[in-house]
Amino acid sequence: MNDINLLGRLTNTPELKKSANGRNYTWFTVAVPRQDNRKEADYIRCLAFDKLASAIYKHCDKGRQVLCQGRLQVSKSIDEVTKQVKYHHTVVVSNTHFLHDPNVSSASI
C-alpha cells in the first residue's frame, strides 16, 4: 500500500497552473518537523490536480498548516552531462485539510 500523510506548513504560496490538456495543477512544498528534533524539518514536494489544486491555491499561503494525504511517486531522469540517474520524490496529494492560518488572527474568527 502506498499511503502517505504529511502534517506541516507550506514553505511558499502555491501557484495555480494549467497543463497542456487543460488540467489545473499546483506544486507546493510542505515543511514537516522531525519527530525527534523539532528544530529540523523535511521539505517535501507535493503536487495536486484539478479541484483540489484550485482549493489549495485559493485557501493557502506561505506558513499555512496543512494535513495532506496522498501517495508517494518516484520518477527518474538521466543527467545528460554526467549520465547519472537522478530520482525525484513527489507526494501526489488526493486530500488536504486546511489547518492553522498564521495570516488570520484569532480575534477575527
PDB file of N, CA and C in Angstrom:
ATOM      1  N   MET A   1       0.842  -1.171   0.000  1.00  0.00           N
ATOM      2  CA  MET A   1       0.000   0.000   0.000  1.00  0.00           C
ATOM      3  C   MET A   1       0.889   1.237   0.000  1.00  0.00           C
ATOM      4  N   ASN A   2       0.572   2.188  -0.828  1.00  0.00           N
ATOM      5  CA  ASN A   2       1.332   3.426  -0.960  1.00  0.00           C
ATOM      6  C   ASN A   2       0.474   4.570  -0.443  1.00  0.00           C
ATOM      7  N   ASP A   3       0.547   4.817   0.865  1.00  0.00           N
ATOM      8  CA  ASP A   3      -0.249   5.838   1.544  1.00  0.00           C
ATOM      9  C   ASP A   3       0.684   6.736   2.337  1.00  0.00           C
ATOM     10  N   ILE A   4       0.488   8.040   2.239  1.00  0.00           N
ATOM     11  CA  ILE A   4       1.343   8.945   2.999  1.00  0.00           C
ATOM     12  C   ILE A   4       0.505  10.091   3.544  1.00  0.00           C
ATOM     13  N   ASN A   5       0.796  10.493   4.785  1.00  0.00           N
ATOM     14  CA  ASN A   5       0.153  11.630   5.435  1.00  0.00           C
ATOM     15  C   ASN A   5       1.245  12.593   5.868  1.00  0.00           C
ATOM     16  N   LEU A   6       1.064  13.879   5.562  1.00  0.00           N
ATOM     17  CA  LEU A   6       2.030  14.902   5.929  1.00  0.00           C
ATOM     18  C   LEU A   6       1.336  15.991   6.726  1.00  0.00           C
ATOM     19  N   LEU A   7       1.878  16.335   7.872  1.00  0.00           N
ATOM     20  CA  LEU A   7       1.377  17.443   8.672  1.00  0.00           C
ATOM     21  C   LEU A   7       2.505  18.447   8.786  1.00  0.00           C
ATOM     22  N   GLY A   8       2.306  19.610   8.177  1.00  0.00           N
ATOM     23  CA  GLY A   8       3.351  20.623   8.193  1.00  0.00           C
ATOM     24  C   GLY A   8       2.849  21.946   7.673  1.00  0.00           C
ATOM     25  N   ARG A   9       3.787  22.816   7.352  1.00  0.00           N
ATOM     26  CA  ARG A   9       3.446  24.164   6.873  1.00  0.00           C
ATOM     27  C   ARG A   9       3.991  24.385   5.471  1.00  0.00           C
ATOM     28  N   LEU A  10       3.239  25.163   4.685  1.00  0.00           N
ATOM     29  CA  LEU A  10       3.678  25.491   3.331  1.00  0.00           C
ATOM     30  C   LEU A  10       4.875  26.427   3.384  1.00  0.00           C
ATOM     31  N   THR A  11       5.865  26.164   2.555  1.00  0.00           N
ATOM     32  CA  THR A  11       7.062  26.999   2.535  1.00  0.00           C
ATOM     33  C   THR A  11       6.905  28.208   1.626  1.00  0.00           C
ATOM     34  N   ASN A  12       5.954  28.159   0.703  1.00  0.00           N
ATOM     35  CA  ASN A  12       5.673  29.263  -0.220  1.00  0.00           C
ATOM     36  C   ASN A  12       4.203  29.255  -0.577  1.00  0.00           C
ATOM     37  N   THR A  13       3.725  30.355  -1.123  1.00  0.00           N
ATOM     38  CA  THR A  13       2.351  30.427  -1.603  1.00  0.00           C
ATOM     39  C   THR A  13       2.258  29.640  -2.911  1.00  0.00           C
ATOM     40  N   PRO A  14       1.323  28.682  -3.019  1.00  0.00           N
ATOM     41  CA  PRO A  14       1.199  27.879  -4.239  1.00  0.00           C
ATOM     42  C   PRO A  14       0.754  28.718  -5.438  1.00  0.00           C
ATOM     43  N   GLU A  15       1.174  28.314  -6.616  1.00  0.00           N
ATOM     44  CA  GLU A  15       0.750  28.936  -7.868  1.00  0.00           C
ATOM     45  C   GLU A  15      -0.099  27.925  -8.631  1.00  0.00           C
ATOM     46  N   LEU A  16      -1.200  28.397  -9.193  1.00  0.00           N
ATOM     47  CA  LEU A  16      -2.075  27.533  -9.983  1.00  0.00           C
ATOM     48  C   LEU A  16      -1.632  27.590 -11.438  1.00  0.00           C
ATOM     49  N   LYS A  17      -1.489  26.410 -12.049  1.00  0.00           N
ATOM     50  CA  LYS A  17      -1.065  26.329 -13.449  1.00  0.00           C
ATOM     51  C   LYS A  17      -2.016  25.423 -14.200  1.00  0.00           C
ATOM     52  N   LYS A  18      -1.941  25.477 -15.528  1.00  0.00           N
ATOM     53  CA  LYS A  18      -2.751  24.608 -16.384  1.00  0.00           C
ATOM     54  C   LYS A  18      -1.834  23.761 -17.246  1.00  0.00           C
ATOM     55  N   SER A  19      -2.146  22.468 -17.313  1.00  0.00           N
ATOM     56  CA  SER A  19      -1.351  21.570 -18.151  1.00  0.00           C
ATOM     57  C   SER A  19      -1.740  21.769 -19.616  1.00  0.00           C
ATOM     58  N   ALA A  20      -1.008  21.133 -20.507  1.00  0.00           N
ATOM     59  CA  ALA A  20      -1.280  21.247 -21.941  1.00  0.00           C
ATOM     60  C   ALA A  20      -2.678  20.741 -22.304  1.00  0.00           C
ATOM     61  N   ASN A  21      -3.192  19.777 -21.521  1.00  0.00           N
ATOM     62  CA  ASN A  21      -4.526  19.252 -21.813  1.00  0.00           C
ATOM     63  C   ASN A  21      -5.628  19.945 -20.994  1.00  0.00           C
ATOM     64  N   GLY A  22      -5.281  21.075 -20.318  1.00  0.00           N
ATOM     65  CA  GLY A  22      -6.286  21.882 -19.648  1.00  0.00           C
ATOM     66  C   GLY A  22      -6.567  21.568 -18.195  1.00  0.00           C
ATOM     67  N   ARG A  23      -5.804  20.670 -17.594  1.00  0.00           N
ATOM     68  CA  ARG A  23      -5.991  20.320 -16.170  1.00  0.00           C
ATOM     69  C   ARG A  23      -5.293  21.329 -15.279  1.00  0.00           C
ATOM     70  N   ASN A  24      -5.979  21.772 -14.215  1.00  0.00           N
ATOM     71  CA  ASN A  24      -5.351  22.624 -13.213  1.00  0.00           C
ATOM     72  C   ASN A  24      -4.415  21.779 -12.359  1.00  0.00           C
ATOM     73  N   TYR A  25      -3.277  22.370 -11.979  1.00  0.00           N
ATOM     74  CA  TYR A  25      -2.371  21.699 -11.049  1.00  0.00           C
ATOM     75  C   TYR A  25      -1.583  22.739 -10.279  1.00  0.00           C
ATOM     76  N   THR A  26      -1.061  22.330  -9.136  1.00  0.00           N
ATOM     77  CA  THR A  26      -0.190  23.184  -8.347  1.00  0.00           C
ATOM     78  C   THR A  26       0.890  22.348  -7.675  1.00  0.00           C
ATOM     79  N   TRP A  27       2.102  22.882  -7.684  1.00  0.00           N
ATOM     80  CA  TRP A  27       3.229  22.324  -6.946  1.00  0.00           C
ATOM     81  C   TRP A  27       3.371  23.126  -5.667  1.00  0.00           C
ATOM     82  N   PHE A  28       3.682  22.484  -4.577  1.00  0.00           N
ATOM     83  CA  PHE A  28       3.958  23.184  -3.339  1.00  0.00           C
ATOM     84  C   PHE A  28       4.839  22.313  -2.463  1.00  0.00           C
ATOM     85  N   THR A  29       5.502  22.941  -1.499  1.00  0.00           N
ATOM     86  CA  THR A  29       6.395  22.229  -0.598  1.00  0.00           C
ATOM     87  C   THR A  29       5.871  22.363   0.822  1.00  0.00           C
ATOM     88  N   VAL A  30       5.845  21.228   1.534  1.00  0.00           N
ATOM     89  CA  VAL A  30       5.406  21.197   2.924  1.00  0.00           C
ATOM     90  C   VAL A  30       6.622  20.917   3.797  1.00  0.00           C
ATOM     91  N   ALA A  31       6.849  21.794   4.785  1.00  0.00           N
ATOM     92  CA  ALA A  31       7.916  21.586   5.769  1.00  0.00           C
ATOM     93  C   ALA A  31       7.324  20.781   6.917  1.00  0.00           C
ATOM     94  N   VAL A  32       7.834  19.563   7.101  1.00  0.00           N
ATOM     95  CA  VAL A  32       7.330  18.656   8.136  1.00  0.00           C
ATOM     96  C   VAL A  32       8.397  18.528   9.218  1.00  0.00           C
ATOM     97  N   PRO A  33       8.094  19.008  10.453  1.00  0.00           N
ATOM     98  CA  PRO A  33       9.079  18.899  11.531  1.00  0.00           C
ATOM     99  C   PRO A  33       9.406  17.433  11.834  1.00  0.00           C
ATOM    100  N   ARG A  34      10.649  17.194  12.173  1.00  0.00           N
ATOM    101  CA  ARG A  34      11.050  15.836  12.542  1.00  0.00           C
ATOM    102  C   ARG A  34      10.602  15.541  13.967  1.00  0.00           C
ATOM    103  N   GLN A  35      10.194  14.314  14.187  1.00  0.00           N
ATOM    104  CA  GLN A  35       9.663  13.926  15.490  1.00  0.00           C
ATOM    105  C   GLN A  35      10.722  13.989  16.585  1.00  0.00           C
ATOM    106  N   ASP A  36      11.940  13.593  16.262  1.00  0.00           N
ATOM    107  CA  ASP A  36      12.993  13.532  17.276  1.00  0.00           C
ATOM    108  C   ASP A  36      13.717  14.867  17.485  1.00  0.00           C
ATOM    109  N   ASN A  37      13.536  15.826  16.569  1.00  0.00           N
ATOM    110  CA  ASN A  37      14.191  17.128  16.692  1.00  0.00           C
ATOM    111  C   ASN A  37      13.309  18.177  16.019  1.00  0.00           C
ATOM    112  N   ARG A  38      12.482  18.862  16.783  1.00  0.00           N
ATOM    113  CA  ARG A  38      11.506  19.815  16.250  1.00  0.00           C
ATOM    114  C   ARG A  38      12.159  21.017  15.571  1.00  0.00           C
ATOM    115  N   LYS A  39      13.476  21.199  15.766  1.00  0.00           N
ATOM    116  CA  LYS A  39      14.167  22.318  15.129  1.00  0.00           C
ATOM    117  C   LYS A  39      14.548  22.003  13.688  1.00  0.00           C
ATOM    118  N   GLU A  40      14.459  20.746  13.312  1.00  0.00           N
ATOM    119  CA  GLU A  40      14.763  20.320  11.943  1.00  0.00           C
ATOM    120  C   GLU A  40      13.482  19.925  11.240  1.00  0.00           C
ATOM    121  N   ALA A  41      13.473  20.036   9.917  1.00  0.00           N
ATOM    122  CA  ALA A  41      12.290  19.671   9.139  1.00  0.00           C
ATOM    123  C   ALA A  41      12.714  19.015   7.839  1.00  0.00           C
ATOM    124  N   ASP A  42      11.819  18.213   7.304  1.00  0.00           N
ATOM    125  CA  ASP A  42      11.985  17.666   5.968  1.00  0.00           C
ATOM    126  C   ASP A  42      11.088  18.477   5.042  1.00  0.00           C
ATOM    127  N   TYR A  43      11.609  18.850   3.889  1.00  0.00           N
ATOM    128  CA  TYR A  43      10.875  19.659   2.923  1.00  0.00           C
ATOM    129  C   TYR A  43      10.414  18.737   1.803  1.00  0.00           C
ATOM    130  N   ILE A  44       9.104  18.527   1.748  1.00  0.00           N
ATOM    131  CA  ILE A  44       8.548  17.504   0.866  1.00  0.00           C
ATOM    132  C   ILE A  44       7.750  18.164  -0.251  1.00  0.00           C
ATOM    133  N   ARG A  45       8.124  17.845  -1.465  1.00  0.00           N
ATOM    134  CA  ARG A  45       7.495  18.409  -2.664  1.00  0.00           C
ATOM    135  C   ARG A  45       6.181  17.692  -2.908  1.00  0.00           C
ATOM    136  N   CYS A  46       5.119  18.468  -3.146  1.00  0.00           N
ATOM    137  CA  CYS A  46       3.782  17.913  -3.339  1.00  0.00           C
ATOM    138  C   CYS A  46       3.173  18.440  -4.634  1.00  0.00           C
ATOM    139  N   LEU A  47       2.230  17.676  -5.156  1.00  0.00           N
ATOM    140  CA  LEU A  47       1.541  18.014  -6.399  1.00  0.00           C
ATOM    141  C   LEU A  47       0.067  17.681  -6.242  1.00  0.00           C
ATOM    142  N   ALA A  48      -0.807  18.630  -6.610  1.00  0.00           N
ATOM    143  CA  ALA A  48      -2.256  18.402  -6.559  1.00  0.00           C
ATOM    144  C   ALA A  48      -2.852  18.794  -7.903  1.00  0.00           C
ATOM    145  N   PHE A  49      -3.973  18.161  -8.246  1.00  0.00           N
ATOM    146  CA  PHE A  49      -4.628  18.389  -9.536  1.00  0.00           C
ATOM    147  C   PHE A  49      -6.069  18.857  -9.372  1.00  0.00           C
ATOM    148  N   ASP A  50      -6.592  19.437 -10.419  1.00  0.00           N
ATOM    149  CA  ASP A  50      -8.000  19.756 -10.616  1.00  0.00           C
ATOM    150  C   ASP A  50      -8.600  20.603  -9.491  1.00  0.00           C
ATOM    151  N   LYS A  51      -9.748  20.186  -8.928  1.00  0.00           N
ATOM    152  CA  LYS A  51     -10.439  20.988  -7.903  1.00  0.00           C
ATOM    153  C   LYS A  51      -9.591  21.162  -6.649  1.00  0.00           C
ATOM    154  N   LEU A  52      -8.856  20.138  -6.284  1.00  0.00           N
ATOM    155  CA  LEU A  52      -8.001  20.234  -5.103  1.00  0.00           C
ATOM    156  C   LEU A  52      -6.906  21.275  -5.323  1.00  0.00           C
ATOM    157  N   ALA A  53      -6.329  21.306  -6.502  1.00  0.00           N
ATOM    158  CA  ALA A  53      -5.306  22.312  -6.822  1.00  0.00           C
ATOM    159  C   ALA A  53      -5.889  23.715  -6.707  1.00  0.00           C
ATOM    160  N   SER A  54      -7.097  23.910  -7.210  1.00  0.00           N
ATOM    161  CA  SER A  54      -7.752  25.224  -7.130  1.00  0.00           C
ATOM    162  C   SER A  54      -8.029  25.614  -5.683  1.00  0.00           C
ATOM    163  N   ALA A  55      -8.464  24.658  -4.857  1.00  0.00           N
ATOM    164  CA  ALA A  55      -8.756  24.934  -3.451  1.00  0.00           C
ATOM    165  C   ALA A  55      -7.480  25.290  -2.690  1.00  0.00           C
ATOM    166  N   ILE A  56      -6.405  24.581  -2.946  1.00  0.00           N
ATOM    167  CA  ILE A  56      -5.131  24.880  -2.289  1.00  0.00           C
ATOM    168  C   ILE A  56      -4.653  26.272  -2.683  1.00  0.00           C
ATOM    169  N   TYR A  57      -4.768  26.593  -3.962  1.00  0.00           N
ATOM    170  CA  TYR A  57      -4.380  27.918  -4.445  1.00  0.00           C
ATOM    171  C   TYR A  57      -5.218  29.007  -3.778  1.00  0.00           C
ATOM    172  N   LYS A  58      -6.510  28.768  -3.631  1.00  0.00           N
ATOM    173  CA  LYS A  58      -7.435  29.761  -3.083  1.00  0.00           C
ATOM    174  C   LYS A  58      -7.260  29.962  -1.575  1.00  0.00           C
ATOM    175  N   HIS A  59      -7.027  28.891  -0.827  1.00  0.00           N
ATOM    176  CA  HIS A  59      -7.058  28.953   0.634  1.00  0.00           C
ATOM    177  C   HIS A  59      -5.701  28.921   1.323  1.00  0.00           C
ATOM    178  N   CYS A  60      -4.618  28.734   0.591  1.00  0.00           N
ATOM    179  CA  CYS A  60      -3.320  28.542   1.246  1.00  0.00           C
ATOM    180  C   CYS A  60      -2.303  29.595   0.835  1.00  0.00           C
ATOM    181  N   ASP A  61      -1.601  30.093   1.833  1.00  0.00           N
ATOM    182  CA  ASP A  61      -0.470  30.995   1.642  1.00  0.00           C
ATOM    183  C   ASP A  61       0.731  30.398   2.367  1.00  0.00           C
ATOM    184  N   LYS A  62       1.867  31.027   2.193  1.00  0.00           N
ATOM    185  CA  LYS A  62       3.076  30.612   2.906  1.00  0.00           C
ATOM    186  C   LYS A  62       2.789  30.583   4.403  1.00  0.00           C
ATOM    187  N   GLY A  63       3.198  29.504   5.072  1.00  0.00           N
ATOM    188  CA  GLY A  63       3.030  29.374   6.514  1.00  0.00           C
ATOM    189  C   GLY A  63       1.764  28.657   6.940  1.00  0.00           C
ATOM    190  N   ARG A  64       0.829  28.428   6.023  1.00  0.00           N
ATOM    191  CA  ARG A  64      -0.429  27.754   6.366  1.00  0.00           C
ATOM    192  C   ARG A  64      -0.147  26.307   6.745  1.00  0.00           C
ATOM    193  N   GLN A  65      -0.709  25.872   7.861  1.00  0.00           N
ATOM    194  CA  GLN A  65      -0.555  24.482   8.282  1.00  0.00           C
ATOM    195  C   GLN A  65      -1.577  23.632   7.533  1.00  0.00           C
ATOM    196  N   VAL A  66      -1.120  22.513   6.993  1.00  0.00           N
ATOM    197  CA  VAL A  66      -1.980  21.610   6.234  1.00  0.00           C
ATOM    198  C   VAL A  66      -1.708  20.165   6.630  1.00  0.00           C
ATOM    199  N   LEU A  67      -2.726  19.350   6.435  1.00  0.00           N
ATOM    200  CA  LEU A  67      -2.591  17.904   6.555  1.00  0.00           C
ATOM    201  C   LEU A  67      -2.898  17.349   5.173  1.00  0.00           C
ATOM    202  N   CYS A  68      -1.884  16.817   4.512  1.00  0.00           N
ATOM    203  CA  CYS A  68      -2.029  16.299   3.153  1.00  0.00           C
ATOM    204  C   CYS A  68      -2.000  14.775   3.178  1.00  0.00           C
ATOM    205  N   GLN A  69      -2.883  14.174   2.395  1.00  0.00           N
ATOM    206  CA  GLN A  69      -2.928  12.724   2.244  1.00  0.00           C
ATOM    207  C   GLN A  69      -2.765  12.403   0.768  1.00  0.00           C
ATOM    208  N   GLY A  70      -1.984  11.382   0.488  1.00  0.00           N
ATOM    209  CA  GLY A  70      -1.768  11.021  -0.907  1.00  0.00           C
ATOM    210  C   GLY A  70      -0.880   9.809  -1.031  1.00  0.00           C
ATOM    211  N   ARG A  71      -0.145   9.783  -2.144  1.00  0.00           N
ATOM    212  CA  ARG A  71       0.749   8.661  -2.417  1.00  0.00           C
ATOM    213  C   ARG A  71       2.108   9.183  -2.847  1.00  0.00           C
ATOM    214  N   LEU A  72       3.129   8.410  -2.563  1.00  0.00           N
ATOM    215  CA  LEU A  72       4.484   8.774  -2.959  1.00  0.00           C
ATOM    216  C   LEU A  72       4.726   8.292  -4.382  1.00  0.00           C
ATOM    217  N   GLN A  73       5.221   9.197  -5.207  1.00  0.00           N
ATOM    218  CA  GLN A  73       5.548   8.841  -6.586  1.00  0.00           C
ATOM    219  C   GLN A  73       7.041   9.100  -6.793  1.00  0.00           C
ATOM    220  N   VAL A  74       7.742   8.123  -7.339  1.00  0.00           N
ATOM    221  CA  VAL A  74       9.165   8.255  -7.596  1.00  0.00           C
ATOM    222  C   VAL A  74       9.378   8.148  -9.099  1.00  0.00           C
ATOM    223  N   SER A  75      10.032   9.165  -9.651  1.00  0.00           N
ATOM    224  CA  SER A  75      10.375   9.129 -11.069  1.00  0.00           C
ATOM    225  C   SER A  75      11.886   9.296 -11.193  1.00  0.00           C
ATOM    226  N   LYS A  76      12.404   8.994 -12.350  1.00  0.00           N
ATOM    227  CA  LYS A  76      13.842   9.130 -12.531  1.00  0.00           C
ATOM    228  C   LYS A  76      14.143   9.812 -13.849  1.00  0.00           C
ATOM    229  N   SER A  77      15.296  10.447 -13.880  1.00  0.00           N
ATOM    230  CA  SER A  77      15.785  11.079 -15.096  1.00  0.00           C
ATOM    231  C   SER A  77      17.287  10.828 -15.168  1.00  0.00           C
ATOM    232  N   ILE A  78      17.825  11.012 -16.342  1.00  0.00           N
ATOM    233  CA  ILE A  78      19.259  10.816 -16.534  1.00  0.00           C
ATOM    234  C   ILE A  78      19.881  12.171 -16.866  1.00  0.00           C
ATOM    235  N   ASP A  79      20.873  12.556 -16.077  1.00  0.00           N
ATOM    236  CA  ASP A  79      21.587  13.803 -16.324  1.00  0.00           C
ATOM    237  C   ASP A  79      22.368  13.642 -17.628  1.00  0.00           C
ATOM    238  N   GLU A  80      22.111  14.522 -18.583  1.00  0.00           N
ATOM    239  CA  GLU A  80      22.729  14.372 -19.906  1.00  0.00           C
ATOM    240  C   GLU A  80      24.232  14.621 -19.890  1.00  0.00           C
ATOM    241  N   VAL A  81      24.702  15.397 -18.924  1.00  0.00           N
ATOM    242  CA  VAL A  81      26.134  15.690 -18.853  1.00  0.00           C
ATOM    243  C   VAL A  81      26.885  14.559 -18.169  1.00  0.00           C
ATOM    244  N   THR A  82      26.426  14.173 -16.966  1.00  0.00           N
ATOM    245  CA  THR A  82      27.149  13.166 -16.179  1.00  0.00           C
ATOM    246  C   THR A  82      26.669  11.740 -16.423  1.00  0.00           C
ATOM    247  N   LYS A  83      25.516  11.609 -17.080  1.00  0.00           N
ATOM    248  CA  LYS A  83      24.891  10.296 -17.362  1.00  0.00           C
ATOM    249  C   LYS A  83      24.469   9.565 -16.096  1.00  0.00           C
ATOM    250  N   GLN A  84      24.365  10.289 -14.966  1.00  0.00           N
ATOM    251  CA  GLN A  84      23.916   9.692 -13.718  1.00  0.00           C
ATOM    252  C   GLN A  84      22.395   9.714 -13.639  1.00  0.00           C
ATOM    253  N   VAL A  85      21.856   8.674 -13.013  1.00  0.00           N
ATOM    254  CA  VAL A  85      20.416   8.587 -12.805  1.00  0.00           C
ATOM    255  C   VAL A  85      20.063   9.413 -11.570  1.00  0.00           C
ATOM    256  N   LYS A  86      19.046  10.262 -11.708  1.00  0.00           N
ATOM    257  CA  LYS A  86      18.554  11.061 -10.587  1.00  0.00           C
ATOM    258  C   LYS A  86      17.124  10.639 -10.293  1.00  0.00           C
ATOM    259  N   TYR A  87      16.821  10.487  -9.009  1.00  0.00           N
ATOM    260  CA  TYR A  87      15.479  10.099  -8.586  1.00  0.00           C
ATOM    261  C   TYR A  87      14.768  11.318  -8.004  1.00  0.00           C
ATOM    262  N   HIS A  88      13.488  11.452  -8.327  1.00  0.00           N
ATOM    263  CA  HIS A  88      12.677  12.573  -7.884  1.00  0.00           C
ATOM    264  C   HIS A  88      11.488  12.027  -7.105  1.00  0.00           C
ATOM    265  N   HIS A  89      11.336  12.481  -5.858  1.00  0.00           N
ATOM    266  CA  HIS A  89      10.261  12.013  -4.982  1.00  0.00           C
ATOM    267  C   HIS A  89       9.206  13.111  -4.875  1.00  0.00           C
ATOM    268  N   THR A  90       7.951  12.749  -5.117  1.00  0.00           N
ATOM    269  CA  THR A  90       6.840  13.690  -5.064  1.00  0.00           C
ATOM    270  C   THR A  90       5.662  13.015  -4.392  1.00  0.00           C
ATOM    271  N   VAL A  91       4.956  13.761  -3.546  1.00  0.00           N
ATOM    272  CA  VAL A  91       3.700  13.263  -2.989  1.00  0.00           C
ATOM    273  C   VAL A  91       2.575  13.801  -3.869  1.00  0.00           C
ATOM    274  N   VAL A  92       1.839  12.893  -4.494  1.00  0.00           N
ATOM    275  CA  VAL A  92       0.670  13.266  -5.280  1.00  0.00           C
ATOM    276  C   VAL A  92      -0.501  13.287  -4.305  1.00  0.00           C
ATOM    277  N   VAL A  93      -1.000  14.490  -4.022  1.00  0.00           N
ATOM    278  CA  VAL A  93      -1.983  14.710  -2.968  1.00  0.00           C
ATOM    279  C   VAL A  93      -3.392  14.426  -3.480  1.00  0.00           C
ATOM    280  N   SER A  94      -4.144  13.655  -2.678  1.00  0.00           N
ATOM    281  CA  SER A  94      -5.533  13.341  -3.034  1.00  0.00           C
ATOM    282  C   SER A  94      -6.529  14.030  -2.104  1.00  0.00           C
ATOM    283  N   ASN A  95      -6.060  14.485  -0.929  1.00  0.00           N
ATOM    284  CA  ASN A  95      -6.943  15.135   0.041  1.00  0.00           C
ATOM    285  C   ASN A  95      -6.099  16.058   0.914  1.00  0.00           C
ATOM    286  N   THR A  96      -6.654  17.223   1.230  1.00  0.00           N
ATOM    287  CA  THR A  96      -5.949  18.179   2.086  1.00  0.00           C
ATOM    288  C   THR A  96      -6.916  18.794   3.084  1.00  0.00           C
ATOM    289  N   HIS A  97      -6.469  18.883   4.328  1.00  0.00           N
ATOM    290  CA  HIS A  97      -7.223  19.592   5.367  1.00  0.00           C
ATOM    291  C   HIS A  97      -6.464  20.882   5.639  1.00  0.00           C
ATOM    292  N   PHE A  98      -7.178  22.000   5.559  1.00  0.00           N
ATOM    293  CA  PHE A  98      -6.572  23.306   5.822  1.00  0.00           C
ATOM    294  C   PHE A  98      -6.662  23.592   7.313  1.00  0.00           C
ATOM    295  N   LEU A  99      -5.530  23.707   7.970  1.00  0.00           N
ATOM    296  CA  LEU A  99      -5.489  23.889   9.412  1.00  0.00           C
ATOM    297  C   LEU A  99      -5.114  25.328   9.743  1.00  0.00           C
ATOM    298  N   HIS A 100      -4.276  25.544  10.730  1.00  0.00           N
ATOM    299  CA  HIS A 100      -3.938  26.885  11.211  1.00  0.00           C
ATOM    300  C   HIS A 100      -3.400  27.791  10.099  1.00  0.00           C
ATOM    301  N   ASP A 101      -3.963  28.999  10.052  1.00  0.00           N
ATOM    302  CA  ASP A 101      -3.511  30.013   9.104  1.00  0.00           C
ATOM    303  C   ASP A 101      -2.881  31.156   9.897  1.00  0.00           C
ATOM    304  N   PRO A 102      -1.561  31.338   9.830  1.00  0.00           N
ATOM    305  CA  PRO A 102      -0.909  32.374  10.629  1.00  0.00           C
ATOM    306  C   PRO A 102      -1.261  33.787  10.167  1.00  0.00           C
ATOM    307  N   ASN A 103      -1.874  33.924   8.993  1.00  0.00           N
ATOM    308  CA  ASN A 103      -2.231  35.234   8.467  1.00  0.00           C
ATOM    309  C   ASN A 103      -3.585  35.719   8.953  1.00  0.00           C
ATOM    310  N   VAL A 104      -4.316  34.877   9.719  1.00  0.00           N
ATOM    311  CA  VAL A 104      -5.623  35.254  10.260  1.00  0.00           C
ATOM    312  C   VAL A 104      -5.501  35.279  11.772  1.00  0.00           C
ATOM    313  N   SER A 105      -5.802  36.414  12.376  1.00  0.00           N
ATOM    314  CA  SER A 105      -5.715  36.495  13.836  1.00  0.00           C
ATOM    315  C   SER A 105      -6.919  35.804  14.451  1.00  0.00           C
ATOM    316  N   SER A 106      -6.729  35.230  15.633  1.00  0.00           N
ATOM    317  CA  SER A 106      -7.815  34.508  16.312  1.00  0.00           C
ATOM    318  C   SER A 106      -8.906  35.471  16.764  1.00  0.00           C
ATOM    319  N   ALA A 107      -8.623  36.754  16.894  1.00  0.00           N
ATOM    320  CA  ALA A 107      -9.634  37.728  17.313  1.00  0.00           C
ATOM    321  C   ALA A 107     -10.668  37.975  16.219  1.00  0.00           C
ATOM    322  N   SER A 108     -10.305  37.726  14.952  1.00  0.00           N
ATOM    323  CA  SER A 108     -11.240  37.990  13.855  1.00  0.00           C
ATOM    324  C   SER A 108     -12.130  36.794  13.546  1.00  0.00           C
ATOM    325  N   ILE A 109     -11.922  35.684  14.227  1.00  0.00           N
ATOM    326  CA  ILE A 109     -12.717  34.470  13.955  1.00  0.00           C
ATOM    327  C   ILE A 109     -14.009  34.508  14.723  1.00  0.00           C
TER     328      ILE A 109
END
